Protein backbone atom coordinates (compact mmCIF):
# COMPACT_ATOMS: atom_id res chain seq x y z
CA MET A 1 3.64 9.03 -17.80
CA PRO A 2 0.25 10.59 -17.03
CA ARG A 3 -0.32 11.82 -13.50
CA LEU A 4 -2.27 9.41 -11.33
CA LEU A 5 -2.34 10.96 -7.82
CA ARG A 6 -1.57 14.44 -6.60
CA VAL A 7 -1.44 15.21 -2.87
CA GLU A 8 -0.89 18.89 -2.12
CA GLN A 9 -0.50 20.60 1.26
CA LEU A 10 -2.55 17.85 2.94
CA THR A 11 -3.32 18.27 6.65
CA ALA A 12 -5.35 15.51 8.11
CA GLY A 13 -5.93 13.38 11.24
CA TYR A 14 -8.47 11.86 13.49
CA GLY A 15 -11.20 14.25 14.58
CA GLU A 16 -9.48 17.42 15.62
CA ALA A 17 -6.17 15.77 16.20
CA VAL A 18 -3.80 16.59 13.37
CA VAL A 19 -1.34 13.87 12.28
CA LEU A 20 -0.30 14.94 8.76
CA GLU A 21 0.77 18.49 8.10
CA ASP A 22 1.28 20.07 4.68
CA VAL A 23 2.13 16.77 2.93
CA SER A 24 2.71 17.05 -0.79
CA PHE A 25 3.76 14.46 -3.40
CA THR A 26 2.80 13.12 -6.76
CA LEU A 27 2.59 9.68 -8.31
CA ASP A 28 2.41 8.89 -11.99
CA GLU A 29 0.70 5.93 -13.64
CA GLY A 30 2.79 2.82 -13.04
CA ASP A 31 5.08 4.55 -10.51
CA SER A 32 6.19 3.13 -7.11
CA LEU A 33 6.81 4.95 -3.86
CA ALA A 34 8.38 3.88 -0.58
CA LEU A 35 6.73 5.66 2.36
CA LEU A 36 9.22 5.64 5.19
CA GLY A 37 9.61 6.98 8.68
CA ARG A 38 9.80 5.88 12.31
CA ASN A 39 6.80 4.45 14.07
CA GLY A 40 4.00 6.99 14.75
CA MET A 41 5.14 9.54 12.14
CA GLY A 42 1.93 9.32 9.96
CA LYS A 43 2.64 6.64 7.32
CA THR A 44 -0.47 4.62 7.96
CA THR A 45 -2.46 7.80 8.48
CA LEU A 46 -1.54 8.85 5.02
CA LEU A 47 -2.76 5.62 3.49
CA VAL A 48 -6.04 5.64 5.30
CA THR A 49 -6.50 9.32 4.36
CA LEU A 50 -6.20 8.32 0.72
CA MET A 51 -8.93 5.81 1.37
CA GLY A 52 -11.14 8.48 3.02
CA LEU A 53 -10.98 7.14 6.56
CA THR A 54 -9.63 10.26 8.42
CA HIS A 55 -10.65 13.90 8.73
CA ARG A 56 -9.07 16.08 6.07
CA HIS A 57 -8.57 19.50 7.57
CA ARG A 58 -7.24 21.06 4.31
CA GLY A 59 -5.29 20.28 1.17
CA THR A 60 -5.87 18.63 -2.21
CA LEU A 61 -6.29 15.00 -3.07
CA ALA A 62 -6.51 14.71 -6.87
CA TRP A 63 -7.02 11.38 -8.70
CA ARG A 64 -6.45 11.46 -12.41
CA GLY A 65 -7.21 15.14 -12.29
CA GLY A 66 -10.52 14.73 -10.32
CA ASP A 67 -11.31 15.40 -6.75
CA LEU A 68 -10.54 12.27 -4.76
CA ALA A 69 -11.54 13.86 -1.46
CA ALA A 70 -15.15 14.09 -2.71
CA LEU A 71 -15.49 10.35 -2.98
CA PRO A 72 -16.57 8.01 -0.15
CA THR A 73 -14.32 4.99 0.57
CA HIS A 74 -16.20 2.50 -1.53
CA ALA A 75 -16.12 4.85 -4.47
CA ARG A 76 -12.38 5.26 -4.17
CA SER A 77 -12.02 1.58 -4.42
CA ARG A 78 -14.16 1.56 -7.54
CA ALA A 79 -12.06 4.38 -8.90
CA GLY A 80 -8.98 2.27 -8.76
CA LEU A 81 -7.43 2.29 -5.25
CA GLY A 82 -6.58 -1.04 -3.75
CA TRP A 83 -5.74 -1.15 -0.01
CA VAL A 84 -3.96 -3.84 1.97
CA PRO A 85 -4.35 -2.78 5.60
CA GLN A 86 -1.86 -3.81 8.25
CA GLU A 87 -4.58 -5.68 10.10
CA ARG A 88 -5.49 -7.84 7.07
CA TYR A 89 -9.15 -8.16 8.10
CA MET A 90 -9.77 -11.85 7.39
CA PHE A 91 -13.39 -13.09 7.64
CA ALA A 92 -13.85 -16.35 9.58
CA SER A 93 -17.08 -17.07 7.74
CA LEU A 94 -15.53 -16.86 4.24
CA THR A 95 -13.30 -19.32 2.38
CA VAL A 96 -10.25 -18.17 0.56
CA GLU A 97 -12.04 -18.22 -2.74
CA GLU A 98 -15.09 -16.45 -1.30
CA HIS A 99 -12.75 -13.62 0.02
CA LEU A 100 -11.66 -13.16 -3.59
CA THR A 101 -14.89 -13.46 -5.48
CA ALA A 102 -16.76 -11.26 -3.13
CA VAL A 103 -14.82 -8.13 -4.23
CA ALA A 104 -13.96 -9.09 -7.78
CA ARG A 105 -14.21 -6.45 -10.43
CA PRO A 106 -13.55 -6.89 -14.21
CA GLY A 107 -9.94 -6.50 -15.34
CA ARG A 108 -6.60 -8.23 -15.63
CA TRP A 109 -6.77 -9.83 -12.21
CA ASP A 110 -9.13 -12.70 -11.64
CA VAL A 111 -9.03 -15.80 -9.40
CA LYS A 112 -6.90 -17.73 -11.83
CA GLY A 113 -4.41 -14.83 -11.96
CA VAL A 114 -4.01 -14.51 -8.24
CA TYR A 115 -3.65 -18.24 -7.84
CA ARG A 116 -0.83 -18.04 -10.39
CA ILE A 117 1.20 -15.69 -8.19
CA PHE A 118 -0.07 -17.23 -4.94
CA PRO A 119 -0.26 -20.99 -5.65
CA ARG A 120 -0.54 -21.68 -1.89
CA LEU A 121 -3.91 -19.90 -1.87
CA GLU A 122 -5.23 -22.24 -4.56
CA GLU A 123 -4.21 -25.20 -2.36
CA ARG A 124 -6.21 -23.65 0.51
CA LYS A 125 -9.08 -22.15 -1.47
CA ALA A 126 -11.69 -24.06 0.55
CA ASN A 127 -10.15 -23.03 3.94
CA TYR A 128 -11.71 -20.23 6.01
CA GLY A 129 -9.85 -17.00 6.64
CA ASN A 130 -9.10 -17.86 10.31
CA GLN A 131 -7.58 -21.24 9.26
CA LEU A 132 -4.61 -19.67 7.45
CA SER A 133 -1.16 -18.90 8.72
CA GLY A 134 -0.06 -15.28 9.08
CA GLY A 135 1.87 -15.46 5.79
CA GLU A 136 -1.12 -17.00 3.96
CA GLN A 137 -3.44 -14.36 5.34
CA GLN A 138 -1.05 -11.69 4.01
CA MET A 139 -1.05 -13.35 0.57
CA LEU A 140 -4.83 -13.42 0.68
CA ALA A 141 -4.99 -9.73 1.69
CA ILE A 142 -2.88 -8.80 -1.29
CA ALA A 143 -4.78 -11.16 -3.63
CA ARG A 144 -8.12 -9.74 -2.45
CA ALA A 145 -6.92 -6.20 -3.19
CA LEU A 146 -5.77 -7.25 -6.70
CA MET A 147 -9.19 -8.67 -7.40
CA VAL A 148 -10.49 -5.05 -7.28
CA ASN A 149 -8.18 -4.47 -10.25
CA PRO A 150 -6.70 -1.25 -8.85
CA SER A 151 -4.51 1.24 -10.64
CA LEU A 152 -2.83 2.01 -7.29
CA LEU A 153 -2.06 -0.60 -4.61
CA LEU A 154 -1.50 0.63 -1.09
CA LEU A 155 0.52 -1.79 0.96
CA ASP A 156 0.74 -1.14 4.77
CA GLU A 157 3.50 -3.10 6.46
CA PRO A 158 3.08 -6.10 4.12
CA MET A 159 6.13 -7.96 5.50
CA GLU A 160 5.50 -7.38 9.21
CA GLY A 161 6.04 -10.45 11.40
CA LEU A 162 6.48 -12.90 8.53
CA ALA A 163 9.11 -15.65 8.14
CA PRO A 164 11.99 -14.75 5.82
CA ILE A 165 10.92 -17.23 3.12
CA ILE A 166 7.44 -15.69 3.03
CA VAL A 167 8.92 -12.20 2.93
CA GLN A 168 11.01 -13.19 -0.08
CA GLU A 169 7.90 -14.57 -1.84
CA LEU A 170 5.90 -11.47 -1.20
CA MET A 171 8.81 -9.18 -2.36
CA ASN A 172 8.90 -11.24 -5.64
CA VAL A 173 5.16 -10.57 -6.12
CA VAL A 174 5.38 -6.84 -5.38
CA ARG A 175 8.38 -6.56 -7.69
CA GLU A 176 6.43 -8.24 -10.40
CA LEU A 177 3.55 -5.83 -9.92
CA VAL A 178 5.88 -2.84 -10.14
CA THR A 179 7.96 -3.95 -13.12
CA GLU A 180 5.63 -6.03 -15.22
CA THR A 181 1.98 -5.01 -14.81
CA GLY A 182 2.10 -1.24 -14.82
CA MET A 183 0.38 -0.95 -11.48
CA ALA A 184 1.31 1.94 -9.27
CA VAL A 185 2.34 0.95 -5.72
CA ILE A 186 2.89 2.82 -2.40
CA VAL A 187 4.70 0.66 0.15
CA VAL A 188 4.77 1.53 3.89
CA GLU A 189 7.42 -0.63 5.50
CA GLN A 190 9.54 -0.51 8.68
CA HIS A 191 12.33 -2.41 6.84
CA ALA A 192 13.46 0.60 4.82
CA LYS A 193 15.99 -1.10 2.68
CA LEU A 194 13.43 -3.72 1.64
CA ALA A 195 10.87 -0.99 0.61
CA LEU A 196 13.53 0.93 -1.26
CA SER A 197 14.62 -2.08 -3.20
CA LEU A 198 11.05 -2.52 -4.47
CA THR A 199 10.34 1.07 -5.47
CA ARG A 200 11.53 3.88 -7.69
CA ASN A 201 11.05 6.82 -5.41
CA ALA A 202 10.82 7.48 -1.65
CA ILE A 203 9.57 10.02 0.80
CA VAL A 204 10.25 10.05 4.52
CA LEU A 205 7.78 11.37 7.11
CA GLU A 206 8.83 12.98 10.40
CA ARG A 207 6.12 14.08 12.82
CA GLY A 208 3.61 14.09 9.93
CA ARG A 209 5.65 16.17 7.56
CA VAL A 210 7.76 15.19 4.49
CA VAL A 211 11.38 15.69 5.47
CA HIS A 212 13.07 13.89 2.54
CA ARG A 213 12.32 12.96 -0.97
CA SER A 214 14.54 11.22 -3.54
CA ALA A 215 14.90 8.27 -5.84
CA SER A 216 14.95 5.03 -3.84
CA ASP A 217 18.23 3.85 -5.20
CA ALA A 218 19.81 7.25 -4.29
CA LEU A 219 18.66 6.92 -0.75
CA LEU A 220 19.90 3.27 -0.57
CA ALA A 221 23.33 4.51 -1.70
CA GLU A 222 23.43 6.90 1.38
CA PRO A 223 23.24 4.58 4.43
CA GLU A 224 24.20 7.32 6.85
CA THR A 225 21.29 9.53 5.60
CA LEU A 226 18.92 6.55 5.63
CA ASP A 227 19.98 5.70 9.18
CA ARG A 228 19.51 9.29 10.37
CA LEU A 229 16.08 9.51 8.85
CA VAL A 230 14.49 6.16 9.97
CA SER A 231 16.71 4.78 12.77
CA VAL A 232 14.93 4.55 16.16
CA SER A 233 18.16 5.22 18.03
């Protein structure tokens, strides 16, 4: 498959504070990656760095062979990066459908398409963002990112704080995106086994550095290794 994203010797953080050090990995078109590690190890920082929201001290960010680092955040979205932040960022003044149409770009995903995978959003399309439950807000955050018609979807803790039935529904959606649509996905998730079950490959960050990389199913098959890498104990 053609190379989509190349991160090479990336060192980045906030101002002069370095959070990521010499991070390198690649992602092909349609590939999926679980980004694992304990809290505070740089997972979210890596996603927001891909979106251009941190200070890059050095290293390469290449997108389809071009220089991703040269693009401002809005241009990265237009180039094909879709971001679902942990905070969700719902707007109290916009309805569900307005959240979707405000960011829509031409492509496979339109309002009808996201309502198909999230029928609950269609039922609440006239509700405002602050009138939704936490699970509905997460559905809307993912649906809104899909409306950009990205080639790569960045999911930051998409299952955090949600009821098990909602987690299962979202897992089914992410699995469909990975296996049926050809969209590349990077999943940051504290529930490591969940993230590994959704993806093909995995990397683990420790203090901002990559300390492990493997196929997701291989890491799932080594529970002692997984526990050593991501357990908080």
